[in-house]
Amino acid sequence: MTYIAAFFASFLYIALKATQQLQVVNFLYARILPTSLAMAACEVFIMVNVVKTAGDFSGLAMLALFIGAGSGLGCLAAMRLHQHRTRKPQ
């Protein structure tokens, strides 16, 4: 369960980070603080999972795999969600 939870936390964290970048670029001041707080909650959750898994190298390797996959897919999802706001790749 820890790996799946870390996957979704990293997915959400990176999606929020991409959203926050768009908020900064578009001067959406009121949305930046709530987004930052949600990002911090995701970061703390991920770090707690890393600390819980720190005694086992294979566990850390699996955790890194799940966090990396979640981060990559979160970035792709955020790009797709916000595609209408930016120039489409050619």
Protein backbone atom coordinates (compact mmCIF):
# COMPACT_ATOMS: atom_id res chain seq x y z
CA MET A 1 0.00 0.00 0.00
CA THR A 2 2.89 2.36 0.70
CA TYR A 3 4.12 2.16 -2.90
CA ILE A 4 0.73 2.88 -4.42
CA ALA A 5 0.15 5.77 -2.01
CA ALA A 6 3.60 7.19 -2.84
CA PHE A 7 2.82 6.85 -6.55
CA PHE A 8 -0.36 8.89 -6.23
CA ALA A 9 1.25 11.45 -3.90
CA SER A 10 4.08 12.06 -6.38
CA PHE A 11 1.59 12.14 -9.27
CA LEU A 12 -0.42 14.81 -7.46
CA TYR A 13 2.67 16.72 -6.33
CA ILE A 14 4.07 17.12 -9.84
CA ALA A 15 0.65 17.94 -11.30
CA LEU A 16 0.28 20.64 -8.64
CA LYS A 17 3.78 21.92 -9.36
CA ALA A 18 2.99 22.32 -13.06
CA THR A 19 -0.29 24.02 -12.15
CA GLN A 20 1.54 26.37 -9.80
CA GLN A 21 3.95 27.34 -12.56
CA LEU A 22 1.02 28.26 -14.77
CA GLN A 23 -0.51 30.24 -11.92
CA VAL A 24 2.71 32.23 -11.55
CA VAL A 25 2.97 32.90 -15.27
CA ASN A 26 -0.68 33.99 -15.45
CA PHE A 27 -0.51 36.08 -12.23
CA LEU A 28 -3.22 34.09 -10.43
CA TYR A 29 -2.12 35.20 -6.98
CA ALA A 30 -5.08 33.84 -4.99
CA ARG A 31 -4.50 30.28 -6.20
CA ILE A 32 -0.78 30.07 -5.43
CA LEU A 33 -0.97 29.66 -1.63
CA PRO A 34 -3.54 26.82 -1.60
CA THR A 35 -1.59 25.04 -4.32
CA SER A 36 1.65 25.44 -2.35
CA LEU A 37 0.02 24.04 0.80
CA ALA A 38 -1.24 21.00 -1.10
CA MET A 39 2.25 20.53 -2.56
CA ALA A 40 3.77 20.66 0.91
CA ALA A 41 1.36 17.99 2.15
CA CYS A 42 2.37 15.73 -0.73
CA GLU A 43 6.07 16.33 -0.04
CA VAL A 44 5.70 15.49 3.65
CA PHE A 45 3.76 12.32 2.81
CA ILE A 46 6.44 11.21 0.36
CA MET A 47 9.25 11.92 2.83
CA VAL A 48 7.47 9.97 5.58
CA ASN A 49 7.25 7.00 3.22
CA VAL A 50 10.95 7.30 2.40
CA VAL A 51 11.83 7.33 6.10
CA LYS A 52 9.59 4.31 6.77
CA THR A 53 11.29 2.38 3.95
CA ALA A 54 14.86 3.54 4.69
CA GLY A 55 15.99 0.29 6.30
CA ASP A 56 15.55 -1.80 3.18
CA PHE A 57 17.47 -1.06 -0.03
CA SER A 58 15.12 -3.05 -2.25
CA GLY A 59 12.18 -1.24 -0.67
CA LEU A 60 13.81 2.11 -1.40
CA ALA A 61 14.45 1.05 -4.98
CA MET A 62 10.80 0.08 -5.42
CA LEU A 63 9.70 3.32 -3.78
CA ALA A 64 11.92 5.32 -6.15
CA LEU A 65 10.41 3.45 -9.10
CA PHE A 66 6.85 4.20 -7.98
CA ILE A 67 7.63 7.84 -7.13
CA GLY A 68 9.39 8.34 -10.46
CA ALA A 69 6.56 6.78 -12.42
CA GLY A 70 3.98 8.84 -10.54
CA SER A 71 5.96 12.02 -11.11
CA GLY A 72 6.35 11.40 -14.83
CA LEU A 73 2.69 10.57 -15.32
CA GLY A 74 1.66 13.53 -13.15
CA CYS A 75 3.68 15.85 -15.35
CA LEU A 76 2.17 14.40 -18.52
CA ALA A 77 -1.34 14.68 -17.06
CA ALA A 78 -0.81 18.32 -16.07
CA MET A 79 0.58 19.13 -19.51
CA ARG A 80 -2.46 17.52 -21.12
CA LEU A 81 -4.89 19.24 -18.75
CA HIS A 82 -3.39 22.68 -19.32
CA GLN A 83 -2.66 22.23 -23.02
CA HIS A 84 -5.23 24.81 -24.05
CA ARG A 85 -3.35 27.51 -22.13
CA THR A 86 -0.04 27.05 -23.86
CA ARG A 87 1.26 26.73 -27.39
CA LYS A 88 0.89 23.23 -28.75
CA PRO A 89 4.09 21.44 -29.79
CA GLN A 90 4.68 21.31 -33.51
